[in-house]
Amino acid sequence: MHYDKYHQTESILENVSFQESEILKIKNTSTRNQDFQQAKQGKNDEFYTSLEDIELEMIHYTNHFTGKVVYCNCDDPRESNFFRYFYKNFEKLGLKKLITSCYKSLNANSFNSEISEKAVYLEYCGRESYNNYSKDEFVHTKQFEGDGDFRSDESVELLQQADIVVTNPPFSLFKEYCAQLVRYKKKFIIIGNMNAVTYKDIFPLIQNNELWYGPSIRSGDREFRVPSTYPLAASGTRKDEDGNKYVRVKGVRWFTNLDFQSRHRDLPLEKNYSPIKNPRYANYDAIEVSKTKDIPFDFEGQMGVPISFLDQYNPDQFEILGTSRTLSRPMSEIAKKGTYSQGGPRFYLPNGDGTYRRMYERIIIKKKK
């Protein structure tokens, strides 16, 4: 799971800037998602977000934080850049309270040789000034009775205090993690894989305008620090001068239900509809638009667009109707066996010779009047 590990320190205040320079040394490496898939399949979810990526995203939500309680429930305050960001900007953001917590470490070789025998949490309420003297309060960790899992009663009790949850949750538990946030009606800014939008439990949130991509990551190519025991099997990996391991991952996105200004910017439409360039699917009455930039301005019906459309989705301009997984008819009802490739629900386009080609996942949209 992605939970921050124990880091031996004499003072959490001195540790706020620990290794920030190393974390920000991001090199140009090739992009592969092998490590991400390996993490998902092997439940090896300990990917640690850089301070730079956190700062680039949080700047879009500064007006949402005033007077709020922020909870980072997958983050050891002694190790996490999420803690570092909100601690350093506590007064600037006007926060009421910051809570961070982490899962009990079960791996002695995660980041250092010590085992965290107890899961910990921290409650920070800012500073009080006495004659120009700043006194930090509550900057010390407390121990959970249990393991600190985000689903535990103790963690849920802290969650119920929170207004906004900000973290990088366990990759393998993303659906369950989101379900908990929705169940407790929390605002959130979290990291996940872009393909999560196609999950049957996640897409309805996208469709109903209850969840959307954050604005700062568009390429989806980001570097994460990983534990020392993490196998670096793919290209796009490195070690820094201190031996810390990093992997570069494709398909990463911020997910949120907090609004931001650029989300309501119209996508410019410059292409004409073309029956040749925009053929109709064989098993659903909609046209194919292979690139978001090619959405025709003069077509009013249903259109199939790639998942990457969501990076530029304006809910005031378009309506999302569903996906190829939920809307496509079985090809067995339309074509003879052997004329199309087998697979799960997808849209198919005719090749013109009696055969059909299977498309990648598509989202069905329609322009709003």
Protein backbone atom coordinates (compact mmCIF):
# COMPACT_ATOMS: atom_id res chain seq x y z
CA MET A 1 0.00 0.00 0.00
CA HIS A 2 1.02 3.58 -0.41
CA TYR A 3 1.67 4.62 3.16
CA ASP A 4 4.57 6.79 4.28
CA LYS A 5 7.23 4.98 6.31
CA TYR A 6 9.09 5.74 9.50
CA HIS A 7 11.96 8.18 9.31
CA GLN A 8 14.11 8.57 12.41
CA THR A 9 14.34 12.22 13.40
CA GLU A 10 14.90 14.28 16.53
CA SER A 11 12.61 17.12 15.47
CA ILE A 12 9.84 17.22 12.93
CA LEU A 13 10.46 20.92 12.45
CA GLU A 14 14.02 20.25 11.34
CA ASN A 15 12.76 17.53 9.02
CA VAL A 16 10.41 19.76 6.99
CA SER A 17 13.07 20.42 4.36
CA PHE A 18 14.59 16.93 4.49
CA GLN A 19 15.78 15.83 1.03
CA GLU A 20 13.61 18.37 -0.83
CA SER A 21 16.49 19.11 -3.18
CA GLU A 22 16.89 15.42 -4.05
CA ILE A 23 13.17 14.97 -4.59
CA LEU A 24 13.10 17.89 -7.02
CA LYS A 25 16.01 16.58 -9.14
CA ILE A 26 13.84 15.10 -11.86
CA LYS A 27 15.79 13.89 -14.88
CA ASN A 28 14.63 13.31 -18.42
CA THR A 29 14.01 9.56 -18.62
CA SER A 30 12.00 7.42 -21.01
CA THR A 31 8.37 6.76 -20.13
CA ARG A 32 6.98 3.31 -19.45
CA ASN A 33 4.07 2.20 -17.31
CA GLN A 34 5.54 -1.21 -16.50
CA ASP A 35 6.40 -0.19 -12.95
CA PHE A 36 2.91 1.21 -12.37
CA GLN A 37 1.26 -1.99 -13.59
CA GLN A 38 3.65 -4.04 -11.48
CA ALA A 39 2.68 -1.96 -8.45
CA LYS A 40 -1.02 -2.43 -9.13
CA GLN A 41 -0.77 -6.18 -9.66
CA GLY A 42 1.62 -6.80 -6.79
CA LYS A 43 -0.06 -4.42 -4.33
CA ASN A 44 3.28 -2.58 -4.12
CA ASP A 45 1.76 0.87 -3.90
CA GLU A 46 4.44 2.92 -2.19
CA PHE A 47 4.81 5.77 -4.67
CA TYR A 48 5.92 9.05 -3.08
CA THR A 49 4.82 12.32 -4.65
CA SER A 50 7.32 15.11 -5.25
CA LEU A 51 6.88 18.47 -3.54
CA GLU A 52 7.02 20.20 -6.92
CA ASP A 53 4.04 18.24 -8.29
CA ILE A 54 2.04 18.98 -5.14
CA GLU A 55 2.77 22.70 -5.38
CA LEU A 56 1.84 22.88 -9.06
CA GLU A 57 -1.57 21.35 -8.36
CA MET A 58 -2.47 23.03 -5.06
CA ILE A 59 -2.01 26.53 -6.50
CA HIS A 60 -5.32 26.05 -8.35
CA TYR A 61 -7.32 25.56 -5.13
CA THR A 62 -6.01 28.23 -2.76
CA ASN A 63 -9.46 29.83 -2.43
CA HIS A 64 -10.90 26.52 -1.16
CA PHE A 65 -8.63 26.08 1.88
CA THR A 66 -9.51 29.07 4.07
CA GLY A 67 -10.87 27.92 7.44
CA LYS A 68 -10.74 24.25 6.42
CA VAL A 69 -9.40 21.05 8.00
CA VAL A 70 -7.10 19.17 5.60
CA TYR A 71 -6.49 15.45 6.10
CA CYS A 72 -3.65 13.54 4.42
CA ASN A 73 -4.48 9.99 5.46
CA CYS A 74 -1.79 8.08 3.59
CA ASP A 75 1.14 10.22 4.72
CA ASP A 76 3.68 9.85 7.50
CA PRO A 77 4.23 13.46 8.64
CA ARG A 78 7.91 12.66 9.21
CA GLU A 79 8.37 11.66 5.58
CA SER A 80 5.56 13.10 3.44
CA ASN A 81 5.79 16.00 1.03
CA PHE A 82 2.05 16.54 1.49
CA PHE A 83 2.75 17.37 5.13
CA ARG A 84 5.66 19.57 4.13
CA TYR A 85 3.51 21.59 1.73
CA PHE A 86 0.60 22.21 4.08
CA TYR A 87 2.84 22.80 7.09
CA LYS A 88 4.87 25.45 5.26
CA ASN A 89 1.75 27.12 3.82
CA PHE A 90 -0.57 26.72 6.80
CA GLU A 91 -0.99 30.43 7.54
CA LYS A 92 -0.85 31.49 3.89
CA LEU A 93 -3.73 29.15 3.01
CA GLY A 94 -5.64 30.10 6.16
CA LEU A 95 -6.06 26.49 7.27
CA LYS A 96 -7.91 25.67 10.46
CA LYS A 97 -6.16 22.36 11.04
CA LEU A 98 -3.85 19.85 9.32
CA ILE A 99 -4.07 16.13 10.05
CA THR A 100 -1.70 13.56 8.57
CA SER A 101 -1.58 9.83 9.26
CA CYS A 102 0.16 6.72 8.00
CA TYR A 103 -0.15 2.97 7.89
CA LYS A 104 2.03 0.81 10.11
CA SER A 105 5.24 -0.18 8.34
CA LEU A 106 5.58 -3.89 7.81
CA ASN A 107 8.78 -3.63 5.79
CA ALA A 108 12.04 -2.96 7.58
CA ASN A 109 13.78 -2.00 4.33
CA SER A 110 11.26 0.46 2.97
CA PHE A 111 13.26 3.67 3.35
CA ASN A 112 15.55 2.91 6.21
CA SER A 113 16.49 0.11 8.54
CA GLU A 114 13.97 0.86 11.26
CA ILE A 115 10.50 -0.65 11.58
CA SER A 116 7.66 1.63 12.57
CA GLU A 117 6.08 -0.48 15.28
CA LYS A 118 3.07 1.79 15.49
CA ALA A 119 1.05 3.69 12.95
CA VAL A 120 1.12 7.40 13.73
CA TYR A 121 -0.86 10.55 13.09
CA LEU A 122 -0.34 14.26 13.67
CA GLU A 123 -2.72 17.15 14.32
CA TYR A 124 -1.31 20.59 13.62
CA CYS A 125 -3.27 23.74 14.42
CA GLY A 126 -0.78 26.41 13.41
CA ARG A 127 1.25 28.86 15.44
CA GLU A 128 0.45 31.41 18.09
CA SER A 129 2.50 34.59 18.37
CA TYR A 130 3.50 35.97 21.75
CA ASN A 131 5.26 39.34 21.42
CA ASN A 132 6.69 38.43 18.01
CA TYR A 133 7.70 34.98 19.26
CA SER A 134 6.20 32.10 17.27
CA LYS A 135 5.41 28.97 19.24
CA ASP A 136 4.59 25.82 17.27
CA GLU A 137 1.78 23.75 18.70
CA PHE A 138 0.84 20.11 18.18
CA VAL A 139 3.90 19.40 16.03
CA HIS A 140 4.39 15.93 17.43
CA THR A 141 3.11 12.56 16.36
CA LYS A 142 0.67 10.36 18.25
CA GLN A 143 0.26 6.62 17.98
CA PHE A 144 -2.79 4.79 16.70
CA GLU A 145 -3.98 1.81 18.65
CA GLY A 146 -4.44 -0.04 15.36
CA ASP A 147 -2.57 -0.15 12.05
CA GLY A 148 -3.63 3.26 10.68
CA ASP A 149 -5.33 1.83 7.58
CA PHE A 150 -7.53 4.49 5.97
CA ARG A 151 -10.51 2.17 6.51
CA SER A 152 -9.86 1.70 10.24
CA ASP A 153 -12.21 3.20 12.82
CA GLU A 154 -9.47 5.50 14.12
CA SER A 155 -8.67 6.87 10.67
CA VAL A 156 -12.35 7.25 9.79
CA GLU A 157 -12.84 9.24 12.98
CA LEU A 158 -10.15 11.67 11.79
CA LEU A 159 -11.67 11.68 8.30
CA GLN A 160 -14.99 12.83 9.71
CA GLN A 161 -13.29 15.95 11.07
CA ALA A 162 -11.86 16.84 7.66
CA ASP A 163 -13.19 19.20 5.02
CA ILE A 164 -10.67 18.33 2.29
CA VAL A 165 -8.60 15.16 1.80
CA VAL A 166 -5.31 15.51 -0.11
CA THR A 167 -2.99 12.55 -0.74
CA ASN A 168 -1.63 9.88 -3.07
CA PRO A 169 -3.79 6.87 -2.08
CA PRO A 170 -2.99 3.17 -2.62
CA PHE A 171 -3.05 2.41 -6.33
CA SER A 172 -4.59 -1.03 -5.84
CA LEU A 173 -7.34 0.36 -3.59
CA PHE A 174 -8.26 3.44 -5.63
CA LYS A 175 -11.90 2.44 -6.15
CA GLU A 176 -12.40 1.62 -2.48
CA TYR A 177 -10.63 4.79 -1.44
CA CYS A 178 -12.85 6.97 -3.66
CA ALA A 179 -15.96 5.17 -2.45
CA GLN A 180 -15.10 6.11 1.13
CA LEU A 181 -14.64 9.78 0.24
CA VAL A 182 -17.98 9.82 -1.56
CA ARG A 183 -19.71 7.99 1.30
CA TYR A 184 -18.53 10.61 3.81
CA LYS A 185 -19.19 13.47 1.35
CA LYS A 186 -15.64 14.82 1.43
CA LYS A 187 -13.91 17.22 -0.89
CA PHE A 188 -10.64 15.80 -2.17
CA ILE A 189 -7.53 16.18 -4.34
CA ILE A 190 -5.90 12.81 -4.93
CA ILE A 191 -3.59 11.07 -7.40
CA GLY A 192 -4.49 8.05 -9.53
CA ASN A 193 -4.09 6.48 -12.95
CA MET A 194 -6.03 8.14 -15.77
CA ASN A 195 -7.66 4.81 -16.70
CA ALA A 196 -9.47 4.83 -13.37
CA VAL A 197 -12.13 6.95 -15.08
CA THR A 198 -13.25 3.83 -16.95
CA TYR A 199 -13.91 1.83 -13.76
CA LYS A 200 -17.59 1.06 -13.32
CA ASP A 201 -17.58 2.65 -9.85
CA ILE A 202 -15.62 5.75 -10.92
CA PHE A 203 -17.07 6.73 -14.30
CA PRO A 204 -20.56 7.55 -12.93
CA LEU A 205 -18.87 10.18 -10.74
CA ILE A 206 -17.28 11.69 -13.87
CA GLN A 207 -20.56 11.53 -15.77
CA ASN A 208 -22.53 13.13 -12.94
CA ASN A 209 -19.99 15.94 -12.49
CA GLU A 210 -18.93 14.70 -9.05
CA LEU A 211 -15.26 14.05 -9.95
CA TRP A 212 -12.88 15.34 -12.63
CA TYR A 213 -9.21 15.59 -13.55
CA GLY A 214 -7.09 18.24 -11.89
CA PRO A 215 -5.41 20.83 -14.14
CA SER A 216 -1.66 20.55 -13.55
CA ILE A 217 -0.82 17.16 -15.10
CA ARG A 218 -1.74 16.74 -18.76
CA SER A 219 1.02 14.53 -20.14
CA GLY A 220 0.52 12.10 -17.26
CA ASP A 221 4.26 11.47 -17.14
CA ARG A 222 5.57 11.85 -13.59
CA GLU A 223 8.43 10.64 -11.42
CA PHE A 224 7.90 9.07 -7.99
CA ARG A 225 10.27 8.02 -5.27
CA VAL A 226 9.91 4.35 -4.26
CA PRO A 227 11.24 2.19 -1.39
CA SER A 228 14.76 0.77 -1.53
CA THR A 229 13.37 -2.75 -2.02
CA TYR A 230 11.36 -1.75 -5.09
CA PRO A 231 12.58 -3.56 -8.25
CA LEU A 232 13.53 -1.18 -11.05
CA ALA A 233 12.63 -3.47 -13.94
CA ALA A 234 11.71 -0.96 -16.64
CA SER A 235 13.35 1.95 -18.38
CA GLY A 236 12.53 5.36 -16.96
CA THR A 237 14.03 4.50 -13.58
CA ARG A 238 17.00 5.90 -11.71
CA LYS A 239 18.88 6.22 -8.43
CA ASP A 240 20.09 9.54 -7.07
CA GLU A 241 23.48 10.12 -5.48
CA ASP A 242 22.20 8.94 -2.12
CA GLY A 243 20.83 5.69 -3.53
CA ASN A 244 17.16 6.74 -3.45
CA LYS A 245 15.12 5.02 -6.16
CA TYR A 246 12.76 6.72 -8.61
CA VAL A 247 10.41 5.48 -11.29
CA ARG A 248 8.81 7.50 -14.06
CA VAL A 249 5.17 6.57 -14.65
CA LYS A 250 2.74 7.24 -17.49
CA GLY A 251 -0.98 7.85 -17.17
CA VAL A 252 -0.90 9.71 -13.83
CA ARG A 253 -3.59 12.28 -13.06
CA TRP A 254 -4.88 14.34 -10.18
CA PHE A 255 -8.55 13.65 -9.40
CA THR A 256 -10.70 16.17 -7.54
CA ASN A 257 -14.20 17.46 -6.85
CA LEU A 258 -13.01 21.00 -6.13
CA ASP A 259 -13.74 23.46 -8.91
CA PHE A 260 -11.11 25.62 -10.61
CA GLN A 261 -11.38 28.41 -13.17
CA SER A 262 -9.77 26.77 -16.20
CA ARG A 263 -12.24 23.89 -16.01
CA HIS A 264 -14.91 26.17 -17.49
CA ARG A 265 -12.88 27.29 -20.47
CA ASP A 266 -14.50 26.34 -23.81
CA LEU A 267 -12.64 23.92 -26.04
CA PRO A 268 -12.17 25.64 -29.44
CA LEU A 269 -13.82 23.63 -32.22
CA GLU A 270 -12.35 24.19 -35.68
CA LYS A 271 -12.98 21.02 -37.69
CA ASN A 272 -15.86 20.23 -40.04
CA TYR A 273 -17.79 16.99 -39.76
CA SER A 274 -16.69 14.47 -42.38
CA PRO A 275 -18.46 11.10 -42.93
CA ILE A 276 -15.12 9.72 -44.08
CA LYS A 277 -13.01 11.02 -41.19
CA ASN A 278 -15.86 10.53 -38.69
CA PRO A 279 -17.44 7.16 -39.53
CA ARG A 280 -20.28 5.71 -37.48
CA TYR A 281 -19.74 2.76 -35.18
CA ALA A 282 -21.22 -0.57 -36.19
CA ASN A 283 -22.64 -1.28 -32.74
CA TYR A 284 -23.69 2.16 -31.50
CA ASP A 285 -25.22 5.22 -33.20
CA ALA A 286 -22.38 7.71 -32.78
CA ILE A 287 -19.49 8.98 -34.87
CA GLU A 288 -15.81 8.35 -34.22
CA VAL A 289 -13.58 11.32 -33.31
CA SER A 290 -10.09 9.94 -32.80
CA LYS A 291 -8.56 13.14 -31.38
CA THR A 292 -10.10 15.73 -29.09
CA LYS A 293 -8.83 18.57 -31.27
CA ASP A 294 -10.85 17.13 -34.18
CA ILE A 295 -14.30 17.42 -32.56
CA PRO A 296 -16.44 18.97 -35.33
CA PHE A 297 -18.17 22.26 -34.65
CA ASP A 298 -21.02 21.48 -37.07
CA PHE A 299 -22.16 18.10 -35.70
CA GLU A 300 -24.89 17.99 -33.04
CA GLY A 301 -25.23 14.24 -32.47
CA GLN A 302 -23.37 11.77 -30.28
CA MET A 303 -19.60 11.44 -30.66
CA GLY A 304 -17.05 8.92 -29.40
CA VAL A 305 -13.86 10.54 -28.13
CA PRO A 306 -10.71 9.17 -26.40
CA ILE A 307 -10.33 9.23 -22.62
CA SER A 308 -7.82 12.08 -22.99
CA PHE A 309 -10.81 14.31 -23.84
CA LEU A 310 -11.38 14.63 -20.09
CA ASP A 311 -8.25 16.77 -19.83
CA GLN A 312 -10.13 19.50 -21.71
CA TYR A 313 -13.67 18.68 -20.66
CA ASN A 314 -15.84 21.70 -19.91
CA PRO A 315 -19.13 20.59 -18.30
CA ASP A 316 -20.77 23.78 -19.55
CA GLN A 317 -19.93 22.91 -23.15
CA PHE A 318 -20.40 19.12 -23.33
CA GLU A 319 -22.55 16.40 -21.80
CA ILE A 320 -21.07 12.96 -21.09
CA LEU A 321 -23.51 10.16 -21.95
CA GLY A 322 -21.51 7.01 -21.22
CA THR A 323 -18.64 4.82 -22.44
CA SER A 324 -18.15 2.08 -24.96
CA ARG A 325 -18.14 -0.40 -22.08
CA THR A 326 -21.69 0.52 -21.11
CA LEU A 327 -23.28 1.59 -24.39
CA SER A 328 -21.95 -0.75 -27.07
CA ARG A 329 -24.10 -3.59 -28.42
CA PRO A 330 -22.50 -7.07 -28.58
CA MET A 331 -21.01 -7.60 -32.03
CA SER A 332 -22.47 -11.11 -32.02
CA GLU A 333 -25.84 -9.44 -32.59
CA ILE A 334 -24.56 -7.52 -35.60
CA ALA A 335 -21.85 -9.41 -37.48
CA LYS A 336 -20.81 -12.96 -38.29
CA LYS A 337 -18.26 -14.71 -36.14
CA GLY A 338 -14.77 -14.28 -37.53
CA THR A 339 -15.41 -10.81 -38.98
CA TYR A 340 -14.35 -8.99 -35.81
CA SER A 341 -11.79 -9.45 -33.04
CA GLN A 342 -13.03 -10.78 -29.72
CA GLY A 343 -12.81 -8.82 -26.47
CA GLY A 344 -14.80 -6.99 -23.86
CA PRO A 345 -17.41 -4.34 -24.70
CA ARG A 346 -16.02 -1.83 -27.20
CA PHE A 347 -17.10 0.08 -30.27
CA TYR A 348 -16.28 -1.34 -33.71
CA LEU A 349 -15.79 0.42 -37.03
CA PRO A 350 -16.42 -1.25 -40.40
CA ASN A 351 -13.32 -1.82 -42.55
CA GLY A 352 -15.36 -1.72 -45.76
CA ASP A 353 -14.74 -5.37 -46.63
CA GLY A 354 -17.22 -7.02 -44.30
CA THR A 355 -14.84 -7.04 -41.31
CA TYR A 356 -14.67 -4.73 -38.31
CA ARG A 357 -11.90 -3.27 -36.20
CA ARG A 358 -12.15 -2.96 -32.44
CA MET A 359 -11.56 0.51 -31.00
CA TYR A 360 -9.86 1.63 -27.81
CA GLU A 361 -12.09 2.77 -24.95
CA ARG A 362 -14.28 5.70 -25.98
CA ILE A 363 -16.38 8.22 -24.09
CA ILE A 364 -19.65 9.30 -25.67
CA ILE A 365 -20.29 13.04 -25.57
CA LYS A 366 -22.75 15.50 -27.00
CA LYS A 367 -22.56 19.26 -27.26
CA LYS A 368 -24.86 21.21 -25.00
CA LYS A 369 -27.28 23.62 -26.62
